[in-house]
Amino acid sequence: MSILEVERLTKAFPGGVTAVDDVSFGLAEGEFVTLLGPSGCGKTTMLRMIAGFESPDTGRILLGGRDVTDDPPYKRQVNTVFQDYALFPHMSVGENVGYGLRIAGAKRDEIARRVREALATVDLLGKIDAKPSQLSGGQRQRVALARAIIRRPKVLLLDEPLSALDVKLREAMQVELRHLHQKLGITFILVTHDQKEALVLSDRIMVVERGRIVQSGTPSELYENPASPYVADFIGTANLVPARVLGAEGDLLVAAIGEERIQARRGGRDFAPGAEVLLAIRPEKVLLEDRPDALSATVTETMFQGNSLRLKLELGGGAPFAVDLPLQATLQQTRPPESGARIGLRVDPANIIVFPAEPRP
């Protein structure tokens, strides 16, 4: 049985905006799941309904098999870590962490014991008497985590908890958050718009678009087999190249990009000759090869990215295209091509995903 079941949740706001549109999913105990999508897609509203801060218009929420749809937040065995941490500045770290237990009427000795346990779990026991203003951003985030886990929730909800941190600290805290999840063994739900964060942390990612979950799967499943151009472009980076179907050769589709031919995996889809399609191609899966059957492209810009070099290109049909090259290997073999240079590209057909062309507005 799932620890959490969300059944056909719908939520609309004044003005006719449907934030969540008939959403259903289940979470296994101990799973780390991320709701991933851009700002305004409905993922935070989903989280707030699970927490009890918003009421659904229709649908229900089951926690441990019990219907909690109409329960207030304090009656649900879930806790939330907010984006701004929401720590009380006049209280010490220990007082902040123990606040929920004190409000619930727990005995003083039990509060003291569990506060120390929670702070030890996040490696902050030495800061028990400090004020939030005396802590770094990462430490304040860990205090918020300790406060959330002290009441031993069945599900921990994380509303973009790392977004206020700088890049290096954010990466370090991603590792700590993953280790904390493994240590506690409880179910985590993370809301984020950062696809790298989702890929690093998650057992499963649910991609949200306009209030709906459009694909759910492991990070590798979503990266290698996106269900739509939207998912392909949101999970990682993808070139989405317009093309026209010419026909099929066995298990491969033959398409035209401008005047040039390219082969791609059919992926179980059938496309009639003449159909307009989008080819999704990851920048790191493209090889530079000067051969007769290569796609021709013109370099428009070269961008240094630390461990890789990104070439901005224009294909023969005028479509923009990006290629990522490992920097060390590139510099050992040859100088990077300069703007205006003509180069050849080759992509293994297995690394090209074909989608129906999206309707034009």
Protein backbone atom coordinates (compact mmCIF):
# COMPACT_ATOMS: atom_id res chain seq x y z
CA MET A 1 0.00 0.00 0.00
CA SER A 2 1.21 3.52 -0.82
CA ILE A 3 2.00 5.81 2.10
CA LEU A 4 0.32 8.65 0.21
CA GLU A 5 -2.46 8.51 -2.39
CA VAL A 6 -3.62 11.57 -4.29
CA GLU A 7 -6.84 10.92 -6.17
CA ARG A 8 -8.14 13.23 -8.91
CA LEU A 9 -7.23 16.51 -7.22
CA THR A 10 -8.49 19.70 -8.85
CA LYS A 11 -7.98 23.26 -7.68
CA ALA A 12 -9.05 26.48 -9.41
CA PHE A 13 -8.49 30.05 -8.23
CA PRO A 14 -10.59 33.18 -8.83
CA GLY A 15 -10.32 34.39 -12.39
CA GLY A 16 -10.75 30.95 -13.89
CA VAL A 17 -7.15 29.78 -13.35
CA THR A 18 -7.00 26.00 -12.92
CA ALA A 19 -3.81 25.43 -10.92
CA VAL A 20 -4.23 21.65 -10.52
CA ASP A 21 -6.20 19.67 -13.08
CA ASP A 22 -7.38 16.13 -12.20
CA VAL A 23 -4.08 14.92 -10.70
CA SER A 24 -3.61 11.40 -9.30
CA PHE A 25 -0.49 9.64 -8.03
CA GLY A 26 0.77 7.36 -5.26
CA LEU A 27 3.99 7.41 -3.25
CA ALA A 28 5.68 4.39 -1.72
CA GLU A 29 7.04 4.53 1.82
CA GLY A 30 10.61 5.81 1.87
CA GLU A 31 10.50 7.18 -1.68
CA PHE A 32 12.10 10.50 -2.67
CA VAL A 33 9.82 12.07 -5.28
CA THR A 34 10.18 15.45 -6.98
CA LEU A 35 7.46 17.58 -8.53
CA LEU A 36 9.35 19.39 -11.29
CA GLY A 37 8.15 22.20 -13.49
CA PRO A 38 8.43 25.91 -14.24
CA SER A 39 6.96 28.66 -12.06
CA GLY A 40 3.17 28.75 -12.21
CA CYS A 41 2.70 25.14 -13.36
CA GLY A 42 0.80 24.07 -10.21
CA LYS A 43 3.42 22.03 -8.35
CA THR A 44 3.42 24.20 -5.19
CA THR A 45 -0.40 24.15 -5.09
CA MET A 46 -0.24 20.33 -5.15
CA LEU A 47 2.19 20.40 -2.22
CA ARG A 48 0.04 22.87 -0.26
CA MET A 49 -3.03 20.65 -0.67
CA ILE A 50 -1.09 17.64 0.64
CA ALA A 51 0.07 19.77 3.59
CA GLY A 52 -3.45 21.02 4.28
CA PHE A 53 -2.78 24.72 3.55
CA GLU A 54 -5.11 24.62 0.52
CA SER A 55 -8.37 22.70 0.10
CA PRO A 56 -9.02 20.88 -3.19
CA ASP A 57 -12.18 21.67 -5.15
CA THR A 58 -12.54 17.98 -5.94
CA GLY A 59 -10.60 14.80 -5.20
CA ARG A 60 -9.13 13.37 -2.01
CA ILE A 61 -5.85 12.73 -0.21
CA LEU A 62 -5.13 9.50 1.66
CA LEU A 63 -2.25 9.28 4.13
CA GLY A 64 -1.43 5.78 5.36
CA GLY A 65 -4.81 4.67 4.01
CA ARG A 66 -6.76 7.36 5.96
CA ASP A 67 -8.64 10.15 4.21
CA VAL A 68 -7.11 13.44 5.39
CA THR A 69 -8.60 15.70 2.70
CA ASP A 70 -10.53 17.82 5.18
CA ASP A 71 -8.06 17.62 8.10
CA PRO A 72 -6.22 20.81 9.14
CA PRO A 73 -2.40 20.76 8.80
CA TYR A 74 -1.73 19.99 12.47
CA LYS A 75 -3.81 16.79 12.26
CA ARG A 76 -1.84 15.38 9.32
CA GLN A 77 1.36 13.40 9.79
CA VAL A 78 3.20 15.60 7.32
CA ASN A 79 5.58 18.50 7.88
CA THR A 80 6.79 21.19 5.49
CA VAL A 81 10.19 22.85 5.01
CA PHE A 82 9.53 26.25 3.42
CA GLN A 83 11.62 28.20 0.94
CA ASP A 84 12.37 30.97 3.49
CA TYR A 85 12.79 28.49 6.41
CA ALA A 86 10.30 30.51 8.55
CA LEU A 87 12.49 30.44 11.69
CA PHE A 88 11.60 32.61 14.69
CA PRO A 89 14.48 35.14 14.98
CA HIS A 90 13.96 35.76 18.73
CA MET A 91 14.21 32.04 19.60
CA SER A 92 17.32 29.91 19.89
CA VAL A 93 17.94 27.01 17.52
CA GLY A 94 16.75 24.55 20.16
CA GLU A 95 13.58 26.56 20.82
CA ASN A 96 12.82 26.76 17.11
CA VAL A 97 13.24 23.02 16.66
CA GLY A 98 11.12 22.16 19.72
CA TYR A 99 8.37 24.70 19.02
CA GLY A 100 5.94 22.24 17.42
CA LEU A 101 6.26 19.76 20.29
CA ARG A 102 5.73 22.54 22.85
CA ILE A 103 2.55 23.70 21.11
CA ALA A 104 1.37 20.07 21.01
CA GLY A 105 1.76 19.88 24.80
CA ALA A 106 4.71 17.49 25.01
CA LYS A 107 6.55 17.26 28.33
CA ARG A 108 9.68 19.36 28.83
CA ASP A 109 12.02 16.36 29.23
CA GLU A 110 10.70 14.75 26.05
CA ILE A 111 11.07 18.01 24.11
CA ALA A 112 14.68 18.41 25.26
CA ARG A 113 15.55 14.84 24.31
CA ARG A 114 13.95 14.97 20.89
CA VAL A 115 15.42 18.40 20.09
CA ARG A 116 18.90 17.03 20.74
CA GLU A 117 18.16 13.95 18.62
CA ALA A 118 16.89 16.06 15.71
CA LEU A 119 19.83 18.47 15.84
CA ALA A 120 22.28 15.55 16.04
CA THR A 121 20.66 14.09 12.91
CA VAL A 122 21.46 17.28 10.95
CA ASP A 123 24.88 17.75 12.65
CA LEU A 124 23.93 20.96 14.46
CA LEU A 125 23.85 19.91 18.11
CA GLY A 126 26.65 22.39 18.87
CA LYS A 127 24.41 25.28 17.74
CA ILE A 128 21.49 24.49 20.07
CA ASP A 129 21.77 27.83 21.93
CA ALA A 130 22.55 30.02 18.90
CA LYS A 131 20.07 32.43 17.29
CA PRO A 132 19.17 32.04 13.59
CA SER A 133 20.99 35.32 12.82
CA GLN A 134 24.25 33.69 13.96
CA LEU A 135 23.96 30.86 11.44
CA SER A 136 24.91 30.53 7.78
CA GLY A 137 22.25 29.94 5.14
CA GLY A 138 23.03 26.23 5.03
CA GLN A 139 22.82 25.96 8.81
CA ARG A 140 19.44 27.73 8.89
CA GLN A 141 18.21 25.29 6.27
CA ARG A 142 19.30 22.38 8.46
CA VAL A 143 17.52 23.90 11.48
CA ALA A 144 14.34 24.04 9.39
CA LEU A 145 14.85 20.37 8.49
CA ALA A 146 15.37 19.43 12.15
CA ARG A 147 12.17 21.26 13.11
CA ALA A 148 10.28 19.39 10.37
CA ILE A 149 11.50 15.90 11.31
CA ILE A 150 11.19 16.21 15.10
CA ARG A 151 7.51 15.24 15.02
CA ARG A 152 8.36 12.14 12.97
CA PRO A 153 6.08 12.79 9.99
CA LYS A 154 5.11 10.07 7.55
CA VAL A 155 5.84 12.45 4.67
CA LEU A 156 8.25 15.40 4.58
CA LEU A 157 7.32 18.16 2.13
CA LEU A 158 10.10 20.38 0.76
CA ASP A 159 9.04 23.60 -0.98
CA GLU A 160 12.14 24.71 -2.93
CA PRO A 161 14.22 24.62 0.30
CA LEU A 162 17.56 25.23 -1.42
CA SER A 163 16.63 28.09 -3.75
CA ALA A 164 18.00 30.84 -1.47
CA LEU A 165 21.51 29.30 -1.33
CA ASP A 166 24.44 30.11 -3.60
CA VAL A 167 25.49 27.51 -6.17
CA LYS A 168 28.29 25.77 -4.25
CA LEU A 169 26.35 25.63 -0.97
CA ARG A 170 23.28 24.45 -2.84
CA GLU A 171 25.22 21.52 -4.31
CA ALA A 172 26.62 20.63 -0.88
CA MET A 173 23.15 20.76 0.67
CA GLN A 174 21.77 18.50 -2.08
CA VAL A 175 24.21 15.83 -0.91
CA GLU A 176 23.24 16.40 2.74
CA LEU A 177 19.54 16.24 1.90
CA ARG A 178 20.02 12.94 0.08
CA HIS A 179 21.97 11.51 3.04
CA LEU A 180 19.28 12.73 5.46
CA HIS A 181 16.61 10.96 3.42
CA GLN A 182 18.61 7.72 3.50
CA LYS A 183 19.16 8.07 7.26
CA LEU A 184 15.50 8.74 8.12
CA GLY A 185 13.87 6.37 5.63
CA ILE A 186 10.69 8.46 5.38
CA THR A 187 8.95 9.69 2.23
CA PHE A 188 10.18 13.01 0.82
CA ILE A 189 8.32 15.17 -1.71
CA LEU A 190 10.40 17.99 -3.18
CA VAL A 191 9.05 20.86 -5.26
CA THR A 192 11.61 22.52 -7.53
CA HIS A 193 12.02 24.16 -10.92
CA ASP A 194 15.71 23.15 -11.00
CA GLN A 195 16.04 20.06 -13.20
CA LYS A 196 19.64 19.38 -12.09
CA GLU A 197 18.48 19.30 -8.47
CA ALA A 198 15.68 16.89 -9.40
CA LEU A 199 18.07 14.59 -11.26
CA VAL A 200 20.54 14.48 -8.34
CA LEU A 201 18.05 13.92 -5.52
CA SER A 202 15.11 11.93 -6.82
CA ASP A 203 14.15 8.29 -6.92
CA ARG A 204 11.30 9.42 -9.15
CA ILE A 205 10.44 12.68 -10.91
CA MET A 206 6.94 13.83 -11.83
CA VAL A 207 7.06 16.53 -14.50
CA VAL A 208 4.26 19.07 -14.16
CA GLU A 209 2.82 21.15 -17.01
CA ARG A 210 -0.20 23.43 -16.65
CA GLY A 211 -1.55 21.68 -13.58
CA ARG A 212 -1.09 18.14 -14.87
CA ILE A 213 1.57 15.46 -14.39
CA VAL A 214 2.69 14.78 -17.95
CA GLN A 215 5.31 12.12 -17.20
CA SER A 216 6.54 10.21 -14.16
CA GLY A 217 9.64 8.02 -13.94
CA THR A 218 13.21 7.65 -12.73
CA PRO A 219 15.66 10.39 -13.71
CA SER A 220 17.29 8.12 -16.32
CA GLU A 221 13.91 7.08 -17.79
CA LEU A 222 12.84 10.68 -18.26
CA TYR A 223 16.20 11.71 -19.68
CA GLU A 224 16.50 8.85 -22.16
CA ASN A 225 12.81 8.46 -23.07
CA PRO A 226 10.93 11.74 -22.64
CA ALA A 227 7.24 11.47 -23.52
CA SER A 228 6.98 14.89 -25.16
CA PRO A 229 9.10 17.78 -26.45
CA TYR A 230 8.23 19.65 -23.24
CA VAL A 231 9.77 16.90 -21.07
CA ALA A 232 12.76 16.50 -23.41
CA ASP A 233 13.54 20.20 -23.16
CA PHE A 234 12.90 20.44 -19.40
CA ILE A 235 14.90 17.38 -18.34
CA GLY A 236 18.36 18.30 -19.53
CA THR A 237 18.86 20.15 -22.81
CA ALA A 238 17.51 19.02 -26.15
CA ASN A 239 17.71 20.31 -29.70
CA LEU A 240 14.15 20.24 -31.06
CA VAL A 241 14.61 20.24 -34.81
CA PRO A 242 11.67 20.52 -37.24
CA ALA A 243 11.79 17.82 -39.93
CA ARG A 244 9.62 16.15 -42.57
CA VAL A 245 9.11 12.38 -42.79
CA LEU A 246 10.33 10.78 -46.02
CA GLY A 247 9.59 7.16 -45.17
CA ALA A 248 10.92 4.19 -43.21
CA GLU A 249 13.84 1.80 -43.57
CA GLY A 250 13.22 -1.20 -41.33
CA ASP A 251 13.07 0.01 -37.72
CA LEU A 252 14.33 3.45 -38.66
CA LEU A 253 12.49 6.55 -39.75
CA VAL A 254 13.99 8.63 -42.56
CA ALA A 255 13.38 12.36 -42.31
CA ALA A 256 14.52 15.53 -44.05
CA ILE A 257 15.99 18.57 -42.33
CA GLY A 258 15.92 21.10 -45.09
CA GLU A 259 17.46 19.27 -48.03
CA GLU A 260 19.42 16.75 -45.94
CA ARG A 261 18.40 13.28 -44.81
CA ILE A 262 18.69 11.84 -41.31
CA GLN A 263 17.70 8.52 -39.74
CA ALA A 264 16.05 8.19 -36.32
CA ARG A 265 14.54 5.46 -34.16
CA ARG A 266 10.81 5.08 -34.69
CA GLY A 267 10.17 4.32 -31.01
CA GLY A 268 6.98 2.40 -31.73
CA ARG A 269 5.40 5.35 -33.54
CA ASP A 270 4.21 5.34 -37.17
CA PHE A 271 4.48 8.50 -39.23
CA ALA A 272 3.12 8.88 -42.74
CA PRO A 273 5.42 10.23 -45.46
CA GLY A 274 5.14 14.01 -45.53
CA ALA A 275 4.26 14.28 -41.81
CA GLU A 276 5.83 17.17 -39.91
CA VAL A 277 7.82 16.03 -36.85
CA LEU A 278 10.23 17.28 -34.20
CA LEU A 279 13.54 15.49 -33.70
CA ALA A 280 14.86 15.65 -30.12
CA ILE A 281 18.66 15.37 -30.01
CA ARG A 282 20.80 15.82 -26.88
CA PRO A 283 23.79 18.17 -27.47
CA GLU A 284 26.26 15.73 -25.86
CA LYS A 285 25.22 12.87 -28.18
CA VAL A 286 26.39 14.57 -31.38
CA LEU A 287 29.73 13.77 -33.04
CA LEU A 288 31.70 16.06 -35.34
CA GLU A 289 32.48 14.02 -38.45
CA ASP A 290 33.29 15.19 -41.95
CA ARG A 291 31.77 12.46 -44.12
CA PRO A 292 29.34 12.34 -47.08
CA ASP A 293 26.26 11.36 -45.02
CA ALA A 294 26.88 13.91 -42.25
CA LEU A 295 24.55 16.82 -41.59
CA SER A 296 26.12 20.11 -42.54
CA ALA A 297 26.09 23.04 -40.12
CA THR A 298 27.59 26.47 -39.68
CA VAL A 299 29.18 27.53 -36.39
CA THR A 300 27.62 30.75 -35.05
CA GLU A 301 29.17 30.87 -31.57
CA THR A 302 31.55 28.95 -29.29
CA MET A 303 30.87 28.99 -25.55
CA PHE A 304 33.27 27.83 -22.82
CA GLN A 305 31.38 25.89 -20.09
CA GLY A 306 34.18 24.70 -17.80
CA ASN A 307 34.42 20.99 -18.55
CA SER A 308 32.85 21.25 -21.98
CA LEU A 309 32.60 23.45 -25.05
CA ARG A 310 29.19 24.33 -26.47
CA LEU A 311 28.98 25.02 -30.17
CA LYS A 312 26.00 27.07 -31.29
CA LEU A 313 25.21 26.08 -34.86
CA GLU A 314 22.79 26.62 -37.70
CA LEU A 315 21.71 23.61 -39.71
CA GLY A 316 21.27 23.62 -43.46
CA GLY A 317 17.54 24.24 -43.07
CA GLY A 318 18.20 27.25 -40.83
CA ALA A 319 17.31 25.48 -37.55
CA PRO A 320 19.40 26.44 -34.48
CA PHE A 321 21.38 23.56 -32.99
CA ALA A 322 23.77 23.02 -30.06
CA VAL A 323 26.61 20.53 -29.62
CA ASP A 324 28.49 19.89 -26.34
CA LEU A 325 32.06 18.64 -26.68
CA PRO A 326 34.27 17.37 -23.79
CA LEU A 327 36.79 20.18 -23.47
CA GLN A 328 39.94 18.14 -22.80
CA ALA A 329 39.36 15.73 -25.67
CA THR A 330 38.48 18.60 -28.01
CA LEU A 331 41.63 20.59 -27.24
CA GLN A 332 43.86 17.50 -27.51
CA GLN A 333 42.56 16.62 -30.97
CA THR A 334 42.18 19.98 -32.66
CA ARG A 335 41.40 23.63 -32.13
CA PRO A 336 37.70 24.34 -31.66
CA PRO A 337 35.98 25.46 -34.85
CA GLU A 338 35.59 29.22 -35.21
CA SER A 339 32.45 31.19 -35.98
CA GLY A 340 31.50 30.85 -39.64
CA ALA A 341 33.20 27.45 -40.06
CA ARG A 342 31.28 24.69 -41.85
CA ILE A 343 31.30 21.36 -40.04
CA GLY A 344 29.72 17.92 -40.37
CA LEU A 345 27.55 16.29 -37.68
CA ARG A 346 26.63 12.68 -37.08
CA VAL A 347 24.08 11.33 -34.58
CA ASP A 348 23.41 7.66 -33.88
CA PRO A 349 19.75 7.05 -34.90
CA ALA A 350 19.21 5.41 -31.46
CA ASN A 351 19.92 8.81 -29.87
CA ILE A 352 17.21 10.67 -31.80
CA ILE A 353 13.63 10.76 -30.51
CA VAL A 354 10.82 11.60 -32.93
CA PHE A 355 7.71 13.51 -31.83
CA PRO A 356 4.73 14.72 -33.81
CA ALA A 357 5.13 18.41 -34.64
CA GLU A 358 3.37 20.63 -32.13
CA PRO A 359 0.38 22.55 -33.50
CA ARG A 360 1.23 26.09 -34.52
CA PRO A 361 -0.61 28.82 -32.59
